[in-house]
Amino acid sequence: MPKRKRNNEVVEFERSSGNVFADLDLPNPVELHIKSQLMIIINREIERRSLTQTEAAEVVALSQPDISRIASGHLSAFSIDRLLSVLGRLGIDVEISTRRSRNGVGAVIVRELV
């Protein structure tokens, strides 16, 4: 771990793997990363359309509490398939791919196709 001095204080840090869930040593970090990225895209689209949670729920055939869970990032409440279904109902295409990161570990990339 590299160290930097700042105001006579030693600060330790380590480079991220690119997946905060893996860095925190959580179980299923790739799945959590994908879900979080999909939720971000869903939330951006709801905001872009200026939809209330009730209106968004009607559009994607979910309940308002489910939209609230997505907005709050409750990852355990949804499967990747269910989030992809929500994106489909919003008319959003995404691409999920893998690549090798700096440290040689595979990284998952989720991006919206425009």
Protein backbone atom coordinates (compact mmCIF):
# COMPACT_ATOMS: atom_id res chain seq x y z
CA MET A 1 0.00 0.00 0.00
CA PRO A 2 1.54 3.33 -1.02
CA LYS A 3 1.78 6.04 1.62
CA ARG A 4 1.57 9.79 1.23
CA LYS A 5 2.33 12.39 3.84
CA ARG A 6 -0.12 15.22 4.28
CA ASN A 7 0.14 17.71 7.15
CA ASN A 8 2.57 15.42 8.99
CA GLU A 9 -0.01 12.65 8.74
CA VAL A 10 0.57 9.33 7.02
CA VAL A 11 -2.33 8.34 4.80
CA GLU A 12 -2.53 4.79 3.50
CA PHE A 13 -4.46 3.89 0.41
CA GLU A 14 -4.79 1.12 -2.08
CA ARG A 15 -5.86 1.16 -5.69
CA SER A 16 -9.44 0.05 -6.36
CA SER A 17 -10.13 -3.05 -8.39
CA GLY A 18 -12.85 -1.09 -10.20
CA ASN A 19 -15.55 -2.94 -8.28
CA VAL A 20 -16.26 -1.43 -4.86
CA PHE A 21 -18.15 -4.59 -3.85
CA ALA A 22 -15.05 -6.71 -4.48
CA ASP A 23 -12.89 -4.16 -2.68
CA LEU A 24 -15.19 -4.51 0.34
CA ASP A 25 -14.90 -8.30 0.04
CA LEU A 26 -18.68 -8.74 -0.25
CA PRO A 27 -20.13 -11.99 -1.59
CA ASN A 28 -21.07 -12.02 -5.29
CA PRO A 29 -19.35 -8.72 -6.11
CA VAL A 30 -19.82 -9.02 -9.88
CA GLU A 31 -23.57 -9.52 -9.49
CA LEU A 32 -23.81 -6.56 -7.09
CA HIS A 33 -21.82 -4.38 -9.49
CA ILE A 34 -24.06 -5.24 -12.43
CA LYS A 35 -27.23 -4.63 -10.41
CA SER A 36 -25.97 -1.27 -9.15
CA GLN A 37 -25.07 -0.13 -12.68
CA LEU A 38 -28.46 -1.20 -14.04
CA MET A 39 -30.22 0.67 -11.22
CA ILE A 40 -28.22 3.80 -12.00
CA ILE A 41 -29.35 3.64 -15.65
CA ILE A 42 -32.99 3.09 -14.60
CA ASN A 43 -32.87 5.99 -12.17
CA ARG A 44 -31.29 8.31 -14.76
CA GLU A 45 -34.06 7.48 -17.24
CA ILE A 46 -36.82 8.08 -14.69
CA GLU A 47 -35.22 11.41 -13.85
CA ARG A 48 -34.70 12.29 -17.53
CA ARG A 49 -38.40 11.73 -18.15
CA SER A 50 -39.31 13.67 -14.98
CA LEU A 51 -41.49 10.77 -13.83
CA THR A 52 -42.77 10.43 -10.31
CA GLN A 53 -42.23 7.05 -8.71
CA THR A 54 -45.94 6.29 -9.23
CA GLU A 55 -45.74 7.22 -12.92
CA ALA A 56 -42.54 5.20 -13.38
CA ALA A 57 -44.19 2.22 -11.69
CA GLU A 58 -47.04 2.34 -14.20
CA VAL A 59 -44.63 2.53 -17.15
CA VAL A 60 -42.55 -0.47 -16.04
CA ALA A 61 -45.34 -2.53 -14.45
CA LEU A 62 -43.90 -2.49 -10.95
CA SER A 63 -45.25 -1.13 -7.69
CA GLN A 64 -44.26 2.30 -6.41
CA PRO A 65 -42.41 0.68 -3.48
CA ASP A 66 -40.37 -1.33 -6.01
CA ILE A 67 -39.41 1.89 -7.81
CA SER A 68 -38.44 3.32 -4.43
CA ARG A 69 -36.23 0.28 -3.80
CA ILE A 70 -34.52 0.82 -7.16
CA ALA A 71 -34.09 4.53 -6.41
CA SER A 72 -32.56 3.65 -3.03
CA GLY A 73 -30.25 0.99 -4.47
CA HIS A 74 -31.68 -1.99 -2.60
CA LEU A 75 -29.67 -4.53 -4.59
CA SER A 76 -31.04 -7.62 -2.86
CA ALA A 77 -34.62 -6.79 -3.87
CA PHE A 78 -34.04 -7.47 -7.59
CA SER A 79 -32.44 -10.01 -9.86
CA ILE A 80 -30.41 -8.92 -12.86
CA ASP A 81 -33.13 -10.38 -15.11
CA ARG A 82 -35.82 -8.30 -13.42
CA LEU A 83 -33.77 -5.12 -13.78
CA LEU A 84 -33.15 -5.91 -17.45
CA SER A 85 -36.91 -6.33 -17.86
CA VAL A 86 -37.45 -2.87 -16.34
CA LEU A 87 -34.91 -1.42 -18.75
CA GLY A 88 -36.69 -3.13 -21.64
CA ARG A 89 -40.01 -1.57 -20.61
CA LEU A 90 -38.27 1.81 -20.54
CA GLY A 91 -36.93 1.17 -24.04
CA ILE A 92 -33.32 1.24 -22.87
CA ASP A 93 -30.72 -1.09 -24.40
CA VAL A 94 -27.65 -2.01 -22.39
CA GLU A 95 -24.51 -3.95 -23.08
CA ILE A 96 -22.77 -6.01 -20.42
CA SER A 97 -19.22 -7.06 -21.25
CA THR A 98 -16.03 -8.15 -19.54
CA ARG A 99 -12.43 -7.09 -19.90
CA ARG A 100 -9.22 -7.56 -18.01
CA SER A 101 -8.53 -4.71 -15.59
CA ARG A 102 -5.18 -3.19 -14.60
CA ASN A 103 -4.55 -5.79 -11.92
CA GLY A 104 -5.28 -8.67 -14.29
CA VAL A 105 -8.65 -9.52 -12.77
CA GLY A 106 -11.69 -9.53 -15.03
CA ALA A 107 -13.84 -6.41 -14.88
CA VAL A 108 -17.50 -6.19 -15.85
CA ILE A 109 -18.67 -3.17 -17.83
CA VAL A 110 -22.31 -2.15 -18.06
CA ARG A 111 -23.14 0.61 -20.51
CA GLU A 112 -26.25 2.07 -22.00
CA LEU A 113 -26.49 1.86 -25.77
CA VAL A 114 -27.61 5.08 -27.37
